[in-house]
Amino acid sequence: RSTLFPYTTLFRSLRYETCPSSGAPSVSSRVRLVVFIVIALSSGWIGVLVNRLLGTPDSMDSAGTAIWIATPLLAGIVMGVTDPSLRRSYIASWRPGRLRAYGVALVVFPLSFAAAIAVGWAAGWLDPSGLGAFTGVVVAAAAGTLGKNVFEEGSWRGYLAPALLGRGLPDPWVWVVSGTVWGLWHYPYYLFFLDESLTRAVWDVPPVVYATLGIVVMNLWAPLFTELRLLGGSFWPGVIAHTVANLSQLPLAYGGLPIEPGRYLIVSPLVGVVPNAVVLGAGLLLWARRTGRWQRSREVYLAEDHLGED
């Protein structure tokens, strides 16, 4: 039973509940959550179909891409506002939230990027000397990247993560479900909308392999983004962190950080083990502090250290 708990909690009793005030049927929070996931994961494929029907090529400027980006946010707004158990916190998530979360949002990805470069440079696997030439590219992309991430974070941390937490799922399952949905949503993006040359500049593999690795990466990022949502009481710190991550990786996508073949999965600032370990570690540290595990671990360590001295 314990193995099936997250699934039974999420999908059991997909039924209409009775509204206490009038006796009229109202859609349950579980139904809203499942409908949101279905809509979100369908949006990109619907966008691809729309492009085919219009006879337009797939690109980031196509109508299909707009459908893919906008639909999850719109679905999340509808589900969040119409769910009595989530409405107040959902509306509050559009406010700026607590400032301390922004400090974390601003530093984690630059630290992960720096760690990847430091390890790769020390090992002789990459040369960061060309990064400065891409300052203009990063600045020019800032506004568009920020806008795009309002749609993403408004969907995944504005609605999905709080809705999963509201269902009583353990934190690790919130990370896995939200991270996997987030990753699967990107499949049409990597396979159709995004120029393949950009993904191959990051890691020279077929798009389907890159997209599948993206699910792993987004599961590693999910603890940090979930904790930023809880720490800030808002999805805006996630918007900032997501934007910093995307902008810091632009030089890599445009060939500004050549990496020795075979070392991408170690030090690539996007798909490498080193930077993603930093991001995961930051998320787990925030989680440990929020849940009290950090304090308990520290107390145990101090107690054991004291016993060792005795």
Protein backbone atom coordinates (compact mmCIF):
# COMPACT_ATOMS: atom_id res chain seq x y z
CA ARG A 1 0.00 0.00 0.00
CA SER A 2 2.83 2.42 0.83
CA THR A 3 4.27 2.01 -2.66
CA LEU A 4 0.98 2.95 -4.30
CA PHE A 5 0.13 5.74 -1.87
CA PRO A 6 1.03 8.71 -4.11
CA TYR A 7 -0.95 7.30 -7.02
CA THR A 8 -3.99 6.36 -5.01
CA THR A 9 -3.98 9.75 -3.28
CA LEU A 10 -3.86 11.54 -6.61
CA PHE A 11 -6.20 9.48 -8.76
CA ARG A 12 -8.58 7.70 -6.35
CA SER A 13 -12.08 9.06 -6.01
CA LEU A 14 -12.13 11.18 -9.17
CA ARG A 15 -15.73 12.07 -8.53
CA TYR A 16 -18.13 14.96 -8.06
CA GLU A 17 -18.44 16.20 -4.52
CA THR A 18 -21.40 17.98 -2.98
CA CYS A 19 -21.22 21.70 -2.42
CA PRO A 20 -21.96 22.23 1.31
CA SER A 21 -23.93 25.39 0.76
CA SER A 22 -26.36 24.38 -1.97
CA GLY A 23 -26.07 20.64 -2.43
CA ALA A 24 -25.10 21.18 -6.07
CA PRO A 25 -22.26 19.08 -7.46
CA SER A 26 -18.85 20.76 -7.58
CA VAL A 27 -15.74 19.44 -9.27
CA SER A 28 -13.25 18.07 -6.74
CA SER A 29 -9.69 19.35 -6.35
CA ARG A 30 -8.43 15.98 -7.59
CA VAL A 31 -10.37 16.28 -10.80
CA ARG A 32 -9.07 19.79 -11.36
CA LEU A 33 -5.52 18.61 -10.81
CA VAL A 34 -5.80 15.73 -13.27
CA VAL A 35 -7.56 17.90 -15.85
CA PHE A 36 -4.78 20.48 -15.55
CA ILE A 37 -2.09 17.83 -16.12
CA VAL A 38 -3.90 16.44 -19.15
CA ILE A 39 -4.39 19.90 -20.65
CA ALA A 40 -0.80 20.94 -19.96
CA LEU A 41 0.70 17.80 -21.50
CA SER A 42 -1.60 18.05 -24.52
CA SER A 43 -0.92 21.72 -25.24
CA GLY A 44 2.32 21.29 -27.16
CA TRP A 45 1.00 18.48 -29.34
CA ILE A 46 -2.09 20.55 -30.07
CA GLY A 47 0.26 23.36 -31.02
CA VAL A 48 2.12 21.08 -33.43
CA LEU A 49 -1.21 20.02 -34.96
CA VAL A 50 -2.28 23.66 -35.35
CA ASN A 51 0.95 24.44 -37.18
CA ARG A 52 0.27 21.52 -39.52
CA LEU A 53 -3.28 22.69 -40.18
CA LEU A 54 -2.08 26.24 -40.86
CA GLY A 55 0.74 25.00 -43.05
CA THR A 56 3.32 26.99 -41.07
CA PRO A 57 6.76 25.66 -40.10
CA ASP A 58 7.45 24.81 -36.50
CA SER A 59 9.47 27.51 -34.78
CA MET A 60 9.53 29.58 -31.63
CA ASP A 61 7.53 32.25 -33.48
CA SER A 62 4.73 29.92 -34.59
CA ALA A 63 1.12 29.83 -33.42
CA GLY A 64 1.71 26.33 -32.09
CA THR A 65 4.43 27.59 -29.76
CA ALA A 66 2.10 30.27 -28.38
CA ILE A 67 -0.51 27.59 -27.65
CA TRP A 68 2.11 25.42 -25.98
CA ILE A 69 3.35 28.22 -23.70
CA ALA A 70 0.06 29.91 -22.83
CA THR A 71 -2.32 26.98 -22.32
CA PRO A 72 -0.93 25.60 -19.02
CA LEU A 73 -0.99 29.05 -17.41
CA LEU A 74 -4.57 29.69 -18.51
CA ALA A 75 -5.62 26.23 -17.32
CA GLY A 76 -3.88 26.83 -13.99
CA ILE A 77 -5.66 30.15 -13.52
CA VAL A 78 -9.05 28.50 -14.11
CA MET A 79 -8.28 25.54 -11.82
CA GLY A 80 -6.75 27.67 -9.09
CA VAL A 81 -9.43 30.35 -8.97
CA THR A 82 -12.33 27.87 -9.08
CA ASP A 83 -10.91 25.56 -6.38
CA PRO A 84 -12.20 26.77 -2.98
CA SER A 85 -9.42 24.93 -1.13
CA LEU A 86 -6.66 26.54 -3.21
CA ARG A 87 -8.13 29.88 -4.31
CA ARG A 88 -6.69 32.10 -1.59
CA SER A 89 -3.13 30.76 -1.80
CA TYR A 90 -3.27 30.73 -5.60
CA ILE A 91 -4.29 34.38 -5.82
CA ALA A 92 -1.66 35.26 -3.20
CA SER A 93 1.01 33.55 -5.31
CA TRP A 94 0.68 36.37 -7.88
CA ARG A 95 1.90 38.88 -5.30
CA PRO A 96 5.65 39.55 -4.89
CA GLY A 97 5.92 37.42 -1.76
CA ARG A 98 8.79 37.36 0.74
CA LEU A 99 11.99 39.10 -0.31
CA ARG A 100 14.35 36.52 1.21
CA ALA A 101 13.38 34.01 -1.48
CA TYR A 102 14.69 36.34 -4.17
CA GLY A 103 18.20 36.24 -2.73
CA VAL A 104 18.25 32.47 -3.10
CA ALA A 105 16.73 32.72 -6.57
CA LEU A 106 19.50 35.03 -7.73
CA VAL A 107 22.50 33.02 -6.53
CA VAL A 108 21.86 29.29 -7.02
CA PHE A 109 22.23 29.03 -10.79
CA PRO A 110 25.24 31.36 -11.04
CA LEU A 111 26.88 29.17 -8.37
CA SER A 112 26.05 26.01 -10.32
CA PHE A 113 27.35 27.59 -13.52
CA ALA A 114 30.58 28.69 -11.78
CA ALA A 115 31.08 25.23 -10.27
CA ALA A 116 30.72 23.58 -13.69
CA ILE A 117 33.19 26.00 -15.29
CA ALA A 118 35.67 25.68 -12.43
CA VAL A 119 35.70 21.89 -12.58
CA GLY A 120 35.77 21.78 -16.37
CA TRP A 121 38.51 24.40 -16.65
CA ALA A 122 40.65 22.76 -13.97
CA ALA A 123 40.31 19.41 -15.76
CA GLY A 124 41.09 20.96 -19.14
CA TRP A 125 37.69 20.01 -20.59
CA LEU A 126 36.47 23.51 -21.47
CA ASP A 127 37.68 27.03 -22.16
CA PRO A 128 35.57 29.87 -20.74
CA SER A 129 37.54 32.65 -22.47
CA GLY A 130 34.81 33.26 -25.06
CA LEU A 131 31.96 33.86 -22.62
CA GLY A 132 32.38 37.64 -22.51
CA ALA A 133 31.45 37.97 -26.16
CA PHE A 134 27.88 36.92 -25.39
CA THR A 135 27.01 39.68 -22.92
CA GLY A 136 24.96 41.47 -25.58
CA VAL A 137 23.06 38.27 -26.44
CA VAL A 138 22.16 37.72 -22.79
CA VAL A 139 21.00 41.33 -22.30
CA ALA A 140 18.93 41.26 -25.49
CA ALA A 141 17.21 38.04 -24.43
CA ALA A 142 16.44 39.13 -20.85
CA ALA A 143 12.97 40.62 -21.37
CA GLY A 144 11.67 37.80 -23.56
CA THR A 145 13.09 35.13 -21.25
CA LEU A 146 11.51 36.78 -18.22
CA GLY A 147 8.13 36.92 -19.96
CA LYS A 148 8.32 33.29 -21.03
CA ASN A 149 9.11 32.21 -17.48
CA VAL A 150 6.06 33.99 -16.08
CA PHE A 151 4.01 31.53 -18.10
CA GLU A 152 6.08 28.53 -16.99
CA GLU A 153 6.37 29.31 -13.29
CA GLY A 154 2.79 30.55 -13.16
CA SER A 155 1.81 27.07 -14.31
CA TRP A 156 4.14 24.72 -12.43
CA ARG A 157 4.71 26.63 -9.19
CA GLY A 158 1.67 28.89 -9.35
CA TYR A 159 -0.75 25.99 -9.59
CA LEU A 160 0.73 22.49 -9.99
CA ALA A 161 3.11 22.24 -7.02
CA PRO A 162 0.67 23.81 -4.50
CA ALA A 163 -2.13 21.59 -5.84
CA LEU A 164 0.02 18.50 -5.30
CA LEU A 165 0.98 19.67 -1.81
CA GLY A 166 -2.72 20.25 -1.12
CA ARG A 167 -3.43 16.62 -1.91
CA GLY A 168 -1.16 15.56 0.95
CA LEU A 169 1.56 14.04 -1.20
CA PRO A 170 4.95 13.66 0.50
CA ASP A 171 7.44 16.29 -0.61
CA PRO A 172 9.57 13.88 -2.72
CA TRP A 173 6.49 12.86 -4.68
CA VAL A 174 5.58 16.49 -5.25
CA TRP A 175 9.04 16.94 -6.75
CA VAL A 176 8.78 13.83 -8.92
CA VAL A 177 5.27 14.51 -10.23
CA SER A 178 5.80 18.22 -10.85
CA GLY A 179 9.27 17.67 -12.32
CA THR A 180 8.08 14.89 -14.62
CA VAL A 181 5.05 16.85 -15.86
CA TRP A 182 7.31 19.87 -16.36
CA GLY A 183 9.77 17.74 -18.34
CA LEU A 184 7.17 15.95 -20.46
CA TRP A 185 5.59 19.31 -21.32
CA HIS A 186 8.92 20.27 -22.95
CA TYR A 187 8.90 17.34 -25.40
CA PRO A 188 7.18 19.19 -28.31
CA TYR A 189 9.50 22.11 -27.66
CA TYR A 190 12.65 20.04 -28.06
CA LEU A 191 11.32 17.87 -30.89
CA PHE A 192 9.56 20.52 -32.99
CA PHE A 193 9.63 24.16 -31.89
CA LEU A 194 13.29 24.64 -30.94
CA ASP A 195 16.03 24.79 -33.55
CA GLU A 196 17.88 21.46 -33.28
CA SER A 197 21.24 23.19 -33.71
CA LEU A 198 20.77 24.87 -30.32
CA THR A 199 20.28 21.59 -28.45
CA ARG A 200 23.17 19.96 -30.29
CA ALA A 201 25.41 22.85 -29.24
CA VAL A 202 24.62 21.94 -25.63
CA TRP A 203 24.88 18.17 -26.14
CA ASP A 204 25.30 16.63 -29.58
CA VAL A 205 22.61 13.95 -29.44
CA PRO A 206 19.25 13.44 -31.22
CA PRO A 207 16.47 15.71 -29.91
CA VAL A 208 14.51 12.81 -28.40
CA VAL A 209 17.54 11.86 -26.25
CA TYR A 210 17.99 15.48 -25.19
CA ALA A 211 14.28 15.78 -24.35
CA THR A 212 14.39 12.62 -22.25
CA LEU A 213 17.39 13.89 -20.32
CA GLY A 214 15.40 17.07 -19.78
CA ILE A 215 12.94 15.12 -17.63
CA VAL A 216 15.82 14.05 -15.37
CA VAL A 217 17.17 17.61 -15.16
CA MET A 218 13.78 19.06 -14.29
CA ASN A 219 13.29 16.47 -11.57
CA LEU A 220 16.62 17.62 -10.12
CA TRP A 221 15.47 21.24 -10.30
CA ALA A 222 12.01 20.58 -8.85
CA PRO A 223 13.04 20.60 -5.14
CA LEU A 224 14.61 24.05 -5.50
CA PHE A 225 11.67 25.58 -7.37
CA THR A 226 9.12 24.00 -5.01
CA GLU A 227 11.00 25.31 -1.98
CA LEU A 228 11.29 28.78 -3.54
CA ARG A 229 7.51 28.76 -3.92
CA LEU A 230 7.05 27.82 -0.26
CA LEU A 231 9.78 30.15 1.01
CA GLY A 232 8.48 33.13 -0.93
CA GLY A 233 4.75 32.38 -0.83
CA SER A 234 4.81 33.34 -4.50
CA PHE A 235 5.92 31.94 -7.84
CA TRP A 236 7.86 35.12 -8.70
CA PRO A 237 11.12 34.00 -7.05
CA GLY A 238 10.89 30.95 -9.33
CA VAL A 239 10.50 33.28 -12.31
CA ILE A 240 13.73 35.02 -11.32
CA ALA A 241 15.64 31.77 -10.75
CA HIS A 242 14.36 30.29 -14.00
CA THR A 243 15.32 33.44 -15.92
CA VAL A 244 18.82 33.52 -14.42
CA ALA A 245 19.22 29.84 -15.34
CA ASN A 246 18.11 30.35 -18.94
CA LEU A 247 20.21 33.47 -19.47
CA SER A 248 23.35 31.96 -17.95
CA GLN A 249 23.04 29.02 -20.33
CA LEU A 250 22.60 31.09 -23.51
CA PRO A 251 26.34 31.37 -24.25
CA LEU A 252 26.56 27.58 -24.08
CA ALA A 253 23.70 27.15 -26.55
CA TYR A 254 25.37 29.56 -28.98
CA GLY A 255 28.78 27.90 -28.84
CA GLY A 256 30.46 30.26 -26.40
CA LEU A 257 31.67 27.51 -24.07
CA PRO A 258 33.22 24.67 -26.09
CA ILE A 259 33.37 21.47 -24.05
CA GLU A 260 35.54 18.46 -24.81
CA PRO A 261 33.45 15.65 -26.37
CA GLY A 262 32.41 13.06 -23.83
CA ARG A 263 32.48 15.53 -20.93
CA TYR A 264 29.11 17.19 -21.50
CA LEU A 265 27.33 15.07 -18.92
CA ILE A 266 29.89 16.06 -16.30
CA VAL A 267 30.44 19.81 -16.66
CA SER A 268 27.88 21.19 -19.12
CA PRO A 269 26.17 24.05 -17.23
CA LEU A 270 22.82 22.75 -18.48
CA VAL A 271 22.96 18.94 -18.48
CA GLY A 272 26.09 18.21 -16.44
CA VAL A 273 26.24 16.33 -13.16
CA VAL A 274 28.31 19.03 -11.41
CA PRO A 275 25.93 22.01 -11.87
CA ASN A 276 22.79 19.96 -11.35
CA ALA A 277 24.21 18.53 -8.12
CA VAL A 278 24.58 22.13 -6.89
CA VAL A 279 20.97 22.95 -7.84
CA LEU A 280 19.64 19.76 -6.23
CA GLY A 281 21.74 20.35 -3.13
CA ALA A 282 20.37 23.88 -2.75
CA GLY A 283 16.82 22.59 -3.03
CA LEU A 284 17.38 19.84 -0.49
CA LEU A 285 19.05 22.28 1.90
CA LEU A 286 16.04 24.60 1.74
CA TRP A 287 13.76 21.61 2.30
CA ALA A 288 15.81 20.39 5.27
CA ARG A 289 15.67 23.83 6.89
CA ARG A 290 11.92 24.16 6.31
CA THR A 291 11.09 20.72 7.69
CA GLY A 292 13.49 20.92 10.65
CA ARG A 293 15.72 18.11 9.38
CA TRP A 294 18.69 20.48 9.21
CA GLN A 295 18.37 21.40 12.88
CA ARG A 296 17.82 17.78 13.97
CA SER A 297 20.84 16.62 11.95
CA ARG A 298 22.95 19.38 13.48
CA GLU A 299 21.85 18.43 17.00
CA VAL A 300 22.66 14.76 16.35
CA TYR A 301 26.07 15.71 14.94
CA LEU A 302 26.89 17.91 17.92
CA ALA A 303 25.76 15.20 20.33
CA GLU A 304 27.89 12.57 18.61
CA ASP A 305 30.84 14.95 18.49
CA HIS A 306 30.45 15.60 22.21
CA LEU A 307 30.34 11.86 22.92
CA GLY A 308 33.46 11.41 20.83
CA GLU A 309 35.30 13.96 22.96
CA ASP A 310 34.23 12.13 26.10
